[in-house]
Amino acid sequence: MAHTGGINLIVLAAGFATRLYPLTLTRPKPLLPVAHRDRKDGKPMIEHVLDNVACIPGINRIHVVTNGKFIDVFEAWLREYGARLSHLEIKLVNDGVFDAEKRLGAIGDLDFVLRREGIDDDIIVVAGDNLFSEPLHGFGEFCRRKNTPVLGVYDVRDLEEVKKYNTLTLDSEGRLVFFEEKPQAPTSTLTGIALYFYPRHILPLVHQYIAEGNNPDQPGRLIQWLYPRVPVFTWRIPGVWYDIGCQETLAEANRIFGSVS
């Protein structure tokens, strides 16, 4: 794909969400409904995500990466949703995996999409199970100013909670100076979430990360590998952020987003 000067949004939605069984035996996690005050039946998780991320100025194409098991379900969803989001091109990318044991991992899927689609533009990457209560226009503006990798961060306000995610340390300008996945003894409640900006000149490093045999799963591991090599800045998520990991957090999200959406 030729360089267009726009931004490609890549939505990571190829997981199997085994911790949410039986809800996700026949439906992918990003298509599970989450409460919305204006829709009685709620709306698919991925629509919560796209409604707040796809509005970032400069995004001209969306790639949703899924797997072989759920591609048909996503195609049925896109026939309806794509008609409502007609100003943006949405493309599903099937990574061809049918078994959770053979999954490519989040960074593996990112590398797959970049190669399969020949992407040579700036990219924003977001997980399909990250819920935001507010539009993220400011993220796009900040990323354009920095033109270097940017990580979305959020204060979970609980040292035990942050152990499920990652811990990080910033300098006075908000640049990342320390990052650790699944910390045992975190000293800060600020955590990096699955919202990333990678300018086009960084994309070869994504391929290098995979080629070197690094862990292809948690997307934060790419940030952990990148920040000693290139400047990585951070941007604080406004409002409420929620990560859906299990049935308890799904129930909590339904309570929270039923009132704030």
Protein backbone atom coordinates (compact mmCIF):
# COMPACT_ATOMS: atom_id res chain seq x y z
CA MET A 1 0.00 0.00 0.00
CA ALA A 2 1.42 3.40 -0.94
CA HIS A 3 2.12 5.99 1.75
CA THR A 4 -1.00 8.17 1.95
CA GLY A 5 -0.05 10.51 4.77
CA GLY A 6 -3.07 9.39 6.78
CA ILE A 7 -3.34 7.21 9.87
CA ASN A 8 -4.28 3.54 9.84
CA LEU A 9 -6.21 2.39 12.92
CA ILE A 10 -5.52 -1.25 13.78
CA VAL A 11 -7.94 -2.93 16.19
CA LEU A 12 -6.62 -6.07 17.90
CA ALA A 13 -9.53 -8.51 18.03
CA ALA A 14 -8.03 -11.93 17.32
CA GLY A 15 -8.02 -13.35 20.84
CA PHE A 16 -10.11 -16.31 22.00
CA ALA A 17 -11.02 -14.90 25.46
CA THR A 18 -11.03 -18.28 27.19
CA ARG A 19 -11.49 -16.60 30.59
CA LEU A 20 -14.94 -15.48 29.43
CA TYR A 21 -16.18 -18.95 28.48
CA PRO A 22 -18.98 -19.86 27.85
CA LEU A 23 -19.85 -16.34 26.62
CA THR A 24 -17.05 -16.40 24.05
CA LEU A 25 -17.40 -19.96 22.77
CA THR A 26 -19.36 -18.78 19.74
CA ARG A 27 -18.93 -15.00 19.87
CA PRO A 28 -15.64 -13.06 20.06
CA LYS A 29 -15.13 -10.86 23.11
CA PRO A 30 -15.13 -7.55 21.15
CA LEU A 31 -18.64 -8.35 19.92
CA LEU A 32 -20.11 -9.00 23.37
CA PRO A 33 -22.67 -6.32 24.22
CA VAL A 34 -21.80 -3.73 26.85
CA ALA A 35 -24.39 -1.41 28.34
CA HIS A 36 -25.07 1.91 26.68
CA ARG A 37 -27.59 4.38 28.04
CA ASP A 38 -29.08 5.02 24.58
CA ARG A 39 -29.41 1.37 23.50
CA LYS A 40 -31.53 -0.99 25.54
CA ASP A 41 -29.61 -4.08 24.45
CA GLY A 42 -26.23 -2.39 24.83
CA LYS A 43 -23.81 -2.27 21.93
CA PRO A 44 -20.85 -4.45 20.95
CA MET A 45 -17.68 -3.69 22.87
CA ILE A 46 -15.80 -2.87 19.66
CA GLU A 47 -18.35 -0.17 18.83
CA HIS A 48 -17.69 1.50 22.18
CA VAL A 49 -14.01 1.46 21.18
CA LEU A 50 -14.47 2.71 17.63
CA ASP A 51 -16.91 5.45 18.61
CA ASN A 52 -14.20 7.04 20.76
CA VAL A 53 -11.08 6.26 18.71
CA ALA A 54 -12.14 6.39 15.05
CA CYS A 55 -13.06 10.07 15.52
CA ILE A 56 -9.37 11.00 15.76
CA PRO A 57 -8.63 13.40 12.87
CA GLY A 58 -6.44 11.88 10.17
CA ILE A 59 -7.64 8.28 10.47
CA ASN A 60 -8.61 7.19 6.97
CA ARG A 61 -8.68 3.42 7.23
CA ILE A 62 -9.50 0.86 9.93
CA HIS A 63 -8.17 -2.70 10.02
CA VAL A 64 -9.78 -5.12 12.48
CA VAL A 65 -7.66 -8.24 12.88
CA THR A 66 -9.53 -11.36 13.93
CA ASN A 67 -9.04 -15.11 13.60
CA GLY A 68 -10.36 -17.92 11.45
CA LYS A 69 -12.80 -19.09 14.10
CA PHE A 70 -14.64 -15.77 14.35
CA ILE A 71 -14.21 -14.18 10.91
CA ASP A 72 -17.79 -15.04 9.87
CA VAL A 73 -19.23 -13.44 13.01
CA PHE A 74 -17.22 -10.27 12.41
CA GLU A 75 -18.34 -10.17 8.78
CA ALA A 76 -22.00 -10.27 9.88
CA TRP A 77 -21.33 -7.46 12.37
CA LEU A 78 -19.50 -5.33 9.79
CA ARG A 79 -22.33 -5.52 7.28
CA GLU A 80 -24.46 -3.56 9.74
CA TYR A 81 -21.91 -1.35 11.46
CA GLY A 82 -19.95 -0.52 8.30
CA ALA A 83 -23.07 1.00 6.75
CA ARG A 84 -23.32 3.39 9.71
CA LEU A 85 -19.61 4.33 9.53
CA SER A 86 -19.64 4.89 5.80
CA HIS A 87 -17.11 7.77 5.88
CA LEU A 88 -14.33 5.36 6.89
CA GLU A 89 -13.12 2.19 5.21
CA ILE A 90 -13.16 -0.78 7.59
CA LYS A 91 -11.38 -3.94 6.56
CA LEU A 92 -11.35 -7.27 8.40
CA VAL A 93 -8.03 -9.13 8.40
CA ASN A 94 -8.18 -12.86 9.11
CA ASP A 95 -5.00 -14.21 10.72
CA GLY A 96 -6.12 -17.75 9.85
CA VAL A 97 -5.88 -19.18 13.37
CA PHE A 98 -8.65 -21.49 14.64
CA ASP A 99 -7.15 -22.65 17.94
CA ALA A 100 -6.22 -20.55 20.99
CA GLU A 101 -3.06 -22.62 21.44
CA LYS A 102 -1.83 -21.48 18.03
CA ARG A 103 -2.68 -17.78 18.33
CA LEU A 104 -0.17 -15.32 16.94
CA GLY A 105 -0.38 -13.01 19.96
CA ALA A 106 -1.19 -9.30 19.90
CA ILE A 107 2.20 -8.17 18.56
CA GLY A 108 2.26 -11.12 16.18
CA ASP A 109 -1.12 -10.03 14.83
CA LEU A 110 0.08 -6.43 14.50
CA ASP A 111 3.10 -7.60 12.49
CA PHE A 112 0.80 -9.82 10.39
CA VAL A 113 -1.53 -6.92 9.52
CA LEU A 114 1.33 -4.58 8.63
CA ARG A 115 2.80 -7.16 6.27
CA ARG A 116 -0.44 -8.52 4.82
CA GLU A 117 -1.82 -5.05 4.09
CA GLY A 118 1.49 -3.47 3.10
CA ILE A 119 0.90 -0.60 5.53
CA ASP A 120 3.38 2.25 5.21
CA ASP A 121 1.61 4.96 7.21
CA ASP A 122 1.45 6.11 10.81
CA ILE A 123 -0.66 3.70 12.86
CA ILE A 124 -2.77 3.81 15.99
CA VAL A 125 -3.22 0.42 17.64
CA VAL A 126 -6.00 -0.31 20.13
CA ALA A 127 -7.28 -3.49 21.76
CA GLY A 128 -10.89 -4.32 20.90
CA ASP A 129 -11.74 -4.78 24.59
CA ASN A 130 -10.58 -1.36 25.85
CA LEU A 131 -13.54 0.80 26.82
CA PHE A 132 -13.28 4.59 26.99
CA SER A 133 -15.91 6.99 28.30
CA GLU A 134 -14.65 9.96 26.29
CA PRO A 135 -13.53 10.57 22.68
CA LEU A 136 -9.75 10.51 22.22
CA HIS A 137 -9.28 13.47 19.85
CA GLY A 138 -6.49 14.74 22.10
CA PHE A 139 -4.49 11.55 21.65
CA GLY A 140 -4.28 12.12 17.91
CA GLU A 141 -3.24 15.75 18.33
CA PHE A 142 -0.53 14.82 20.84
CA CYS A 143 0.83 12.04 18.61
CA ARG A 144 1.09 14.35 15.60
CA ARG A 145 3.16 16.79 17.65
CA LYS A 146 5.54 14.13 18.97
CA ASN A 147 5.96 11.95 15.83
CA THR A 148 7.44 9.21 18.01
CA PRO A 149 5.81 6.23 19.75
CA VAL A 150 3.12 7.22 22.25
CA LEU A 151 1.54 5.02 24.93
CA GLY A 152 -1.88 5.71 26.45
CA VAL A 153 -1.68 5.63 30.27
CA TYR A 154 -4.29 5.53 33.02
CA ASP A 155 -4.18 5.75 36.81
CA VAL A 156 -5.96 2.69 38.25
CA ARG A 157 -5.42 4.07 41.79
CA ASP A 158 -4.71 0.65 43.29
CA LEU A 159 -1.31 -1.05 43.66
CA GLU A 160 -2.88 -4.51 43.66
CA GLU A 161 -4.86 -3.73 40.51
CA VAL A 162 -1.80 -2.50 38.64
CA LYS A 163 -0.15 -5.93 39.10
CA LYS A 164 -2.54 -7.26 36.44
CA TYR A 165 -1.19 -4.77 33.92
CA ASN A 166 2.19 -3.04 34.01
CA THR A 167 3.99 -0.37 35.95
CA LEU A 168 5.93 2.55 34.54
CA THR A 169 7.96 5.60 35.44
CA LEU A 170 7.98 8.89 33.51
CA ASP A 171 10.35 11.82 33.39
CA SER A 172 9.19 15.42 33.78
CA GLU A 173 8.16 15.59 30.10
CA GLY A 174 6.07 12.41 30.22
CA ARG A 175 8.68 10.28 28.47
CA LEU A 176 8.87 6.65 29.49
CA VAL A 177 11.99 5.81 31.52
CA PHE A 178 10.87 2.48 33.04
CA PHE A 179 8.30 -0.14 32.04
CA GLU A 180 7.61 -3.59 33.48
CA GLU A 181 4.85 -6.04 32.50
CA LYS A 182 2.96 -7.81 35.33
CA PRO A 183 5.04 -6.23 38.14
CA GLN A 184 5.35 -8.09 41.43
CA ALA A 185 6.04 -4.99 43.52
CA PRO A 186 4.76 -1.87 41.73
CA THR A 187 5.43 1.53 43.27
CA SER A 188 3.02 3.50 41.05
CA THR A 189 -0.63 3.03 40.11
CA LEU A 190 -0.11 4.53 36.64
CA THR A 191 -0.31 1.86 33.94
CA GLY A 192 0.11 1.67 30.21
CA ILE A 193 -2.98 0.48 28.34
CA ALA A 194 -3.48 -1.09 24.90
CA LEU A 195 -3.57 2.22 23.01
CA TYR A 196 -0.47 3.01 20.99
CA PHE A 197 0.76 5.35 18.29
CA TYR A 198 3.59 4.24 16.02
CA PRO A 199 4.78 6.63 13.29
CA ARG A 200 5.65 5.00 10.00
CA HIS A 201 9.42 5.26 10.56
CA ILE A 202 9.03 2.95 13.60
CA LEU A 203 7.26 0.11 11.73
CA PRO A 204 10.52 -1.67 10.76
CA LEU A 205 11.21 -2.06 14.49
CA VAL A 206 7.90 -3.93 14.91
CA HIS A 207 9.09 -6.41 12.28
CA GLN A 208 12.52 -6.58 13.96
CA TYR A 209 10.93 -7.34 17.34
CA ILE A 210 9.10 -10.36 15.89
CA ALA A 211 12.04 -11.49 13.73
CA GLU A 212 14.26 -11.65 16.82
CA GLY A 213 11.88 -14.12 18.45
CA ASN A 214 10.61 -11.88 21.23
CA ASN A 215 7.35 -12.59 23.09
CA PRO A 216 4.56 -11.90 20.54
CA ASP A 217 1.70 -11.77 23.02
CA GLN A 218 1.04 -8.86 25.43
CA PRO A 219 1.26 -5.69 23.29
CA GLY A 220 2.98 -3.81 26.11
CA ARG A 221 6.06 -5.97 25.64
CA LEU A 222 6.77 -4.12 22.40
CA ILE A 223 6.82 -0.84 24.35
CA GLN A 224 9.11 -2.44 26.95
CA TRP A 225 11.49 -3.37 24.12
CA LEU A 226 11.18 -0.02 22.32
CA TYR A 227 11.66 2.59 25.02
CA PRO A 228 15.43 2.00 25.54
CA ARG A 229 15.86 2.31 21.74
CA VAL A 230 13.67 5.29 20.82
CA PRO A 231 11.83 8.01 22.78
CA VAL A 232 8.40 6.78 23.92
CA PHE A 233 6.03 9.41 25.28
CA THR A 234 2.79 8.96 27.21
CA TRP A 235 -0.69 10.47 27.09
CA ARG A 236 -3.16 10.28 29.97
CA ILE A 237 -6.56 8.80 29.14
CA PRO A 238 -9.40 11.16 30.15
CA GLY A 239 -12.57 10.00 31.88
CA VAL A 240 -13.11 6.31 32.60
CA TRP A 241 -11.13 3.44 31.07
CA TYR A 242 -12.02 -0.21 31.50
CA ASP A 243 -10.33 -3.41 30.39
CA ILE A 244 -12.62 -6.43 30.01
CA GLY A 245 -10.76 -9.53 31.16
CA CYS A 246 -13.28 -11.81 32.83
CA GLN A 247 -16.99 -12.09 33.62
CA GLU A 248 -16.60 -9.98 36.78
CA THR A 249 -15.05 -7.07 34.88
CA LEU A 250 -17.66 -7.42 32.13
CA ALA A 251 -20.42 -7.10 34.76
CA GLU A 252 -18.66 -4.08 36.28
CA ALA A 253 -18.31 -2.47 32.83
CA ASN A 254 -22.03 -2.95 32.20
CA ARG A 255 -22.74 -1.09 35.43
CA ILE A 256 -20.31 1.74 34.74
CA PHE A 257 -20.91 2.27 31.03
CA GLY A 258 -24.65 2.02 31.37
CA SER A 259 -24.44 5.39 33.09
CA VAL A 260 -21.46 7.14 31.45
CA SER A 261 -21.77 6.15 27.78
